[in-house]
C-alpha atoms as a PDB file:
ATOM      1  CA  MET A   1      38.560 -34.479 -12.944  1.00  0.00           C
ATOM      2  CA  SER A   2      35.699 -36.158 -14.810  1.00  0.00           C
ATOM      3  CA  THR A   3      33.844 -38.983 -13.108  1.00  0.00           C
ATOM      4  CA  GLY A   4      31.647 -39.721 -16.092  1.00  0.00           C
ATOM      5  CA  SER A   5      28.618 -38.355 -14.247  1.00  0.00           C
ATOM      6  CA  GLU A   6      28.623 -34.809 -15.595  1.00  0.00           C
ATOM      7  CA  PHE A   7      26.291 -33.140 -18.042  1.00  0.00           C
ATOM      8  CA  THR A   8      28.317 -32.213 -21.153  1.00  0.00           C
ATOM      9  CA  PRO A   9      27.252 -29.141 -23.145  1.00  0.00           C
ATOM     10  CA  ARG A  10      26.511 -29.905 -26.797  1.00  0.00           C
ATOM     11  CA  GLY A  11      25.792 -26.355 -27.891  1.00  0.00           C
ATOM     12  CA  ASP A  12      25.589 -22.765 -26.778  1.00  0.00           C
ATOM     13  CA  ARG A  13      23.416 -21.526 -23.926  1.00  0.00           C
ATOM     14  CA  GLU A  14      20.385 -19.561 -25.158  1.00  0.00           C
ATOM     15  CA  THR A  15      18.284 -17.069 -23.218  1.00  0.00           C
ATOM     16  CA  ARG A  16      14.607 -17.997 -23.485  1.00  0.00           C
ATOM     17  CA  PHE A  17      13.177 -15.238 -21.277  1.00  0.00           C
ATOM     18  CA  GLU A  18      14.474 -12.158 -19.483  1.00  0.00           C
ATOM     19  CA  ASN A  19      13.040  -9.280 -17.469  1.00  0.00           C
ATOM     20  CA  GLY A  20      14.370  -7.061 -14.679  1.00  0.00           C
ATOM     21  CA  LYS A  21      14.216  -9.832 -12.071  1.00  0.00           C
ATOM     22  CA  VAL A  22      15.065 -13.115 -13.811  1.00  0.00           C
ATOM     23  CA  ARG A  23      16.661 -14.598 -16.890  1.00  0.00           C
ATOM     24  CA  LEU A  24      15.867 -18.122 -18.053  1.00  0.00           C
ATOM     25  CA  ASP A  25      18.574 -19.923 -20.039  1.00  0.00           C
ATOM     26  CA  GLU A  26      18.634 -23.341 -21.685  1.00  0.00           C
ATOM     27  CA  THR A  27      21.776 -25.239 -22.568  1.00  0.00           C
ATOM     28  CA  PRO A  28      21.670 -28.360 -24.755  1.00  0.00           C
ATOM     29  CA  VAL A  29      23.567 -31.190 -23.041  1.00  0.00           C
ATOM     30  CA  VAL A  30      24.446 -34.835 -23.195  1.00  0.00           C
ATOM     31  CA  ARG A  31      23.316 -36.439 -19.942  1.00  0.00           C
ATOM     32  CA  PRO A  32      25.509 -38.871 -18.005  1.00  0.00           C
ATOM     33  CA  ASP A  33      23.515 -41.777 -19.523  1.00  0.00           C
ATOM     34  CA  GLY A  34      24.357 -40.556 -23.058  1.00  0.00           C
ATOM     35  CA  SER A  35      20.910 -39.190 -23.892  1.00  0.00           C
ATOM     36  CA  GLU A  36      20.433 -35.632 -25.102  1.00  0.00           C
ATOM     37  CA  GLY A  37      18.481 -33.008 -23.198  1.00  0.00           C
ATOM     38  CA  PHE A  38      18.541 -29.485 -21.854  1.00  0.00           C
ATOM     39  CA  ILE A  39      19.640 -27.851 -18.613  1.00  0.00           C
ATOM     40  CA  THR A  40      17.395 -24.962 -17.627  1.00  0.00           C
ATOM     41  CA  THR A  41      18.939 -22.294 -15.411  1.00  0.00           C
ATOM     42  CA  VAL A  42      17.141 -19.429 -13.708  1.00  0.00           C
ATOM     43  CA  HIS A  43      19.376 -16.443 -12.998  1.00  0.00           C
ATOM     44  CA  ALA A  44      17.722 -14.311 -10.334  1.00  0.00           C
ATOM     45  CA  GLY A  45      18.770 -10.676 -10.539  1.00  0.00           C
ATOM     46  CA  THR A  46      22.298 -10.366  -9.198  1.00  0.00           C
ATOM     47  CA  GLY A  47      22.350 -14.013  -8.138  1.00  0.00           C
ATOM     48  CA  PHE A  48      22.595 -12.933  -4.499  1.00  0.00           C
ATOM     49  CA  GLY A  49      20.054 -13.061  -1.726  1.00  0.00           C
ATOM     50  CA  VAL A  50      20.171 -12.252   1.963  1.00  0.00           C
ATOM     51  CA  VAL A  51      18.144 -13.350   4.964  1.00  0.00           C
ATOM     52  CA  ALA A  52      18.075 -11.303   8.150  1.00  0.00           C
ATOM     53  CA  ILE A  53      17.092 -13.172  11.300  1.00  0.00           C
ATOM     54  CA  PRO A  54      16.055 -10.479  13.777  1.00  0.00           C
ATOM     55  CA  ARG A  55      16.295 -11.482  17.423  1.00  0.00           C
ATOM     56  CA  THR A  56      15.468  -9.669  20.641  1.00  0.00           C
ATOM     57  CA  VAL A  57      15.359 -10.807  24.253  1.00  0.00           C
ATOM     58  CA  GLY A  58      12.324 -10.286  26.452  1.00  0.00           C
ATOM     59  CA  ARG A  59      11.380 -11.865  29.778  1.00  0.00           C
ATOM     60  CA  GLY A  60      14.569 -13.926  29.547  1.00  0.00           C
ATOM     61  CA  MET A  61      13.544 -15.517  26.209  1.00  0.00           C
ATOM     62  CA  ASN A  62      14.652 -15.084  22.623  1.00  0.00           C
ATOM     63  CA  PHE A  63      12.058 -13.673  20.249  1.00  0.00           C
ATOM     64  CA  TYR A  64      12.451 -13.720  16.452  1.00  0.00           C
ATOM     65  CA  GLY A  65      10.870 -11.315  13.983  1.00  0.00           C
ATOM     66  CA  LEU A  66       8.838 -12.760  11.125  1.00  0.00           C
ATOM     67  CA  VAL A  67       7.198 -11.002   8.202  1.00  0.00           C
ATOM     68  CA  ARG A  68       3.679 -11.950   7.082  1.00  0.00           C
ATOM     69  CA  GLN A  69       3.022 -11.074   3.489  1.00  0.00           C
ATOM     70  CA  HIS A  70       0.902 -12.110   0.562  1.00  0.00           C
ATOM     71  CA  ARG A  71       2.787 -14.030  -2.112  1.00  0.00           C
ATOM     72  CA  PRO A  72       0.994 -13.723  -5.486  1.00  0.00           C
ATOM     73  CA  VAL A  73       2.653 -16.849  -6.925  1.00  0.00           C
ATOM     74  CA  THR A  74       0.952 -19.084  -4.344  1.00  0.00           C
ATOM     75  CA  ASN A  75      -1.972 -16.680  -3.741  1.00  0.00           C
ATOM     76  CA  ASP A  76      -1.446 -17.170  -0.027  1.00  0.00           C
ATOM     77  CA  TYR A  77       0.147 -15.492   2.967  1.00  0.00           C
ATOM     78  CA  SER A  78       3.606 -16.575   4.020  1.00  0.00           C
ATOM     79  CA  LEU A  79       5.489 -16.208   7.310  1.00  0.00           C
ATOM     80  CA  GLU A  80       9.147 -15.530   6.587  1.00  0.00           C
ATOM     81  CA  PHE A  81      12.298 -14.028   7.966  1.00  0.00           C
ATOM     82  CA  PRO A  82      13.039 -10.683   6.280  1.00  0.00           C
ATOM     83  CA  ARG A  83      14.826 -11.381   3.024  1.00  0.00           C
ATOM     84  CA  GLY A  84      15.397 -10.179  -0.478  1.00  0.00           C
ATOM     85  CA  TRP A  85      17.590  -9.911  -3.536  1.00  0.00           C
ATOM     86  CA  ALA A  86      20.870  -8.177  -2.871  1.00  0.00           C
ATOM     87  CA  ALA A  87      23.807  -6.513  -4.586  1.00  0.00           C
ATOM     88  CA  ASP A  88      26.111  -8.739  -2.506  1.00  0.00           C
ATOM     89  CA  LEU A  89      25.994 -11.084   0.494  1.00  0.00           C
ATOM     90  CA  SER A  90      26.929  -8.423   3.048  1.00  0.00           C
ATOM     91  CA  ALA A  91      25.477  -7.577   6.453  1.00  0.00           C
ATOM     92  CA  ALA A  92      24.618  -4.132   5.060  1.00  0.00           C
ATOM     93  CA  GLU A  93      22.339  -5.691   2.432  1.00  0.00           C
ATOM     94  CA  ALA A  94      20.673  -7.931   5.033  1.00  0.00           C
ATOM     95  CA  GLU A  95      20.220  -4.984   7.388  1.00  0.00           C
ATOM     96  CA  ARG A  96      18.605  -2.971   4.584  1.00  0.00           C
ATOM     97  CA  GLU A  97      16.017  -5.742   4.139  1.00  0.00           C
ATOM     98  CA  LEU A  98      15.489  -6.004   7.895  1.00  0.00           C
ATOM     99  CA  VAL A  99      14.861  -2.295   8.412  1.00  0.00           C
ATOM    100  CA  GLU A 100      12.680  -2.123   5.298  1.00  0.00           C
ATOM    101  CA  GLU A 101      10.464  -5.027   6.356  1.00  0.00           C
ATOM    102  CA  ILE A 102      10.347  -4.787  10.162  1.00  0.00           C
ATOM    103  CA  ASN A 103      11.455  -1.215  10.927  1.00  0.00           C
ATOM    104  CA  CYS A 104      13.342  -2.104  14.097  1.00  0.00           C
ATOM    105  CA  GLU A 105      16.493  -0.761  15.720  1.00  0.00           C
ATOM    106  CA  VAL A 106      19.444  -2.897  14.657  1.00  0.00           C
ATOM    107  CA  LEU A 107      22.238  -3.336  17.183  1.00  0.00           C
ATOM    108  CA  PRO A 108      25.912  -3.527  16.095  1.00  0.00           C
ATOM    109  CA  ASN A 109      27.877  -6.652  15.202  1.00  0.00           C
ATOM    110  CA  PRO A 110      25.572  -8.964  13.241  1.00  0.00           C
ATOM    111  CA  VAL A 111      26.776 -12.544  12.873  1.00  0.00           C
ATOM    112  CA  ARG A 112      26.914 -14.384   9.568  1.00  0.00           C
ATOM    113  CA  ILE A 113      25.340 -17.779  10.236  1.00  0.00           C
ATOM    114  CA  GLY A 114      26.066 -19.336   6.859  1.00  0.00           C
ATOM    115  CA  GLN A 115      25.138 -19.512   3.219  1.00  0.00           C
ATOM    116  CA  PHE A 116      23.053 -21.835   1.072  1.00  0.00           C
ATOM    117  CA  ARG A 117      21.771 -22.346  -2.467  1.00  0.00           C
ATOM    118  CA  PRO A 118      17.955 -22.491  -2.491  1.00  0.00           C
ATOM    119  CA  GLU A 119      17.643 -24.818  -5.499  1.00  0.00           C
ATOM    120  CA  PRO A 120      20.966 -25.746  -7.128  1.00  0.00           C
ATOM    121  CA  GLY A 121      19.199 -27.833  -9.766  1.00  0.00           C
ATOM    122  CA  LEU A 122      17.522 -24.733 -11.185  1.00  0.00           C
ATOM    123  CA  LEU A 123      18.745 -21.477  -9.594  1.00  0.00           C
ATOM    124  CA  ASP A 124      22.254 -20.037  -9.647  1.00  0.00           C
ATOM    125  CA  THR A 125      21.510 -18.037  -6.473  1.00  0.00           C
ATOM    126  CA  ASN A 126      23.589 -17.861  -3.272  1.00  0.00           C
ATOM    127  CA  VAL A 127      21.867 -16.718  -0.082  1.00  0.00           C
ATOM    128  CA  ALA A 128      23.677 -15.476   3.029  1.00  0.00           C
ATOM    129  CA  VAL A 129      22.004 -15.675   6.442  1.00  0.00           C
ATOM    130  CA  TRP A 130      22.702 -13.030   9.090  1.00  0.00           C
ATOM    131  CA  LEU A 131      21.632 -12.938  12.745  1.00  0.00           C
ATOM    132  CA  PHE A 132      20.877  -9.454  14.072  1.00  0.00           C
ATOM    133  CA  GLU A 133      20.272  -8.459  17.655  1.00  0.00           C
ATOM    134  CA  THR A 134      17.501  -5.859  17.598  1.00  0.00           C
ATOM    135  CA  ASN A 135      15.172  -3.642  19.570  1.00  0.00           C
ATOM    136  CA  PRO A 136      11.717  -4.089  18.033  1.00  0.00           C
ATOM    137  CA  GLY A 137      10.631  -0.541  18.820  1.00  0.00           C
ATOM    138  CA  GLU A 138       7.212   0.740  19.714  1.00  0.00           C
ATOM    139  CA  ASP A 139       5.482   0.345  16.343  1.00  0.00           C
ATOM    140  CA  LEU A 140       4.186  -3.214  16.671  1.00  0.00           C
ATOM    141  CA  LEU A 141       1.647  -2.520  13.922  1.00  0.00           C
ATOM    142  CA  TYR A 142       4.257  -1.498  11.331  1.00  0.00           C
ATOM    143  CA  ARG A 143       3.272  -2.275   7.745  1.00  0.00           C
ATOM    144  CA  GLU A 144       5.759  -2.084   4.883  1.00  0.00           C
ATOM    145  CA  GLU A 145       4.326   0.222   2.227  1.00  0.00           C
ATOM    146  CA  LYS A 146       5.699  -1.499  -0.882  1.00  0.00           C
ATOM    147  CA  SER A 147       4.606  -5.068  -0.093  1.00  0.00           C
ATOM    148  CA  GLY A 148       1.918  -4.561   2.558  1.00  0.00           C
ATOM    149  CA  ALA A 149       3.864  -6.940   4.828  1.00  0.00           C
ATOM    150  CA  THR A 150       3.283  -6.903   8.561  1.00  0.00           C
ATOM    151  CA  HIS A 151       5.467  -8.432  11.234  1.00  0.00           C
ATOM    152  CA  LEU A 152       5.192 -10.490  14.352  1.00  0.00           C
ATOM    153  CA  TRP A 153       7.629 -11.546  17.073  1.00  0.00           C
ATOM    154  CA  VAL A 154       7.598 -15.147  18.343  1.00  0.00           C
ATOM    155  CA  ASN A 155       9.689 -17.057  20.864  1.00  0.00           C
ATOM    156  CA  ASP A 156      11.783 -20.179  20.112  1.00  0.00           C
ATOM    157  CA  SER A 157       9.072 -22.696  20.934  1.00  0.00           C
ATOM    158  CA  THR A 158       6.402 -20.851  18.953  1.00  0.00           C
ATOM    159  CA  LEU A 159       8.726 -20.584  15.959  1.00  0.00           C
ATOM    160  CA  THR A 160       9.488 -24.301  16.193  1.00  0.00           C
ATOM    161  CA  SER A 161       5.732 -25.037  16.372  1.00  0.00           C
ATOM    162  CA  LEU A 162       5.105 -22.866  13.311  1.00  0.00           C
ATOM    163  CA  VAL A 163       7.709 -24.905  11.438  1.00  0.00           C
ATOM    164  CA  THR A 164       6.565 -28.361  12.584  1.00  0.00           C
ATOM    165  CA  SER A 165       2.865 -27.571  12.054  1.00  0.00           C
ATOM    166  CA  GLY A 166       3.521 -26.576   8.444  1.00  0.00           C
ATOM    167  CA  THR A 167       2.505 -22.958   9.012  1.00  0.00           C
ATOM    168  CA  ILE A 168       5.943 -21.759   7.892  1.00  0.00           C
ATOM    169  CA  THR A 169       6.456 -23.199   4.421  1.00  0.00           C
ATOM    170  CA  CYS A 170       8.954 -20.756   2.921  1.00  0.00           C
ATOM    171  CA  GLY A 171      11.995 -22.852   1.991  1.00  0.00           C
ATOM    172  CA  ILE A 172      14.372 -19.930   2.417  1.00  0.00           C
ATOM    173  CA  THR A 173      13.094 -19.293   5.958  1.00  0.00           C
ATOM    174  CA  LEU A 174      13.287 -23.004   6.776  1.00  0.00           C
ATOM    175  CA  ALA A 175      16.887 -23.162   5.526  1.00  0.00           C
ATOM    176  CA  ALA A 176      17.830 -20.058   7.534  1.00  0.00           C
ATOM    177  CA  TRP A 177      16.241 -21.497  10.704  1.00  0.00           C
ATOM    178  CA  ALA A 178      18.085 -24.804  10.152  1.00  0.00           C
ATOM    179  CA  LEU A 179      21.392 -22.927   9.795  1.00  0.00           C
ATOM    180  CA  LEU A 180      20.698 -20.998  12.991  1.00  0.00           C
ATOM    181  CA  LEU A 181      19.859 -24.202  14.906  1.00  0.00           C
ATOM    182  CA  ALA A 182      22.940 -25.975  13.534  1.00  0.00           C
ATOM    183  CA  SER A 183      25.149 -23.046  14.548  1.00  0.00           C
ATOM    184  CA  GLY A 184      23.989 -23.239  18.156  1.00  0.00           C
ATOM    185  CA  ARG A 185      23.533 -19.470  18.197  1.00  0.00           C
ATOM    186  CA  HIS A 186      19.805 -19.823  18.934  1.00  0.00           C
ATOM    187  CA  LEU A 187      20.845 -20.660  22.507  1.00  0.00           C
ATOM    188  CA  SER A 188      22.505 -17.278  23.062  1.00  0.00           C
END
């Protein structure tokens, strides 16, 4: 049902750029106000992403695993939950990212916390968030070969401080943390 507030295509979608990771399309449209313009859409790989929130319990507290890695786009280091592009939104894909980035023992029965779209005005990507109970293992100095990422384990209050201080700025990690808080599963 049309509400008169949609963007109406006025021509065919054209691909402006494409490589192995992204495709950029533009579609000519008529905007809701009647003016003409373009909608730009970024298609990221398969269009699927996964976030793995690794959690372990120590000294009666929850600890969460974060990955610290250099992000060339911002030329800065970022603290993030393990994440990546995926073939689907499954726990298996999230676990693959988790083991690749943190190299921990993953316990059975992960819980799907939710799903979100990182930027629905530009990206056609869906991201699923999974909570994994883990055993961090002995290698606290693990470094992922491909990205050079290292990891660190922080408790609830430290993670909250990293968010509120602006140290964690990754939007995908912030969305995953918000979903976990909203689910109430951070209290487990």
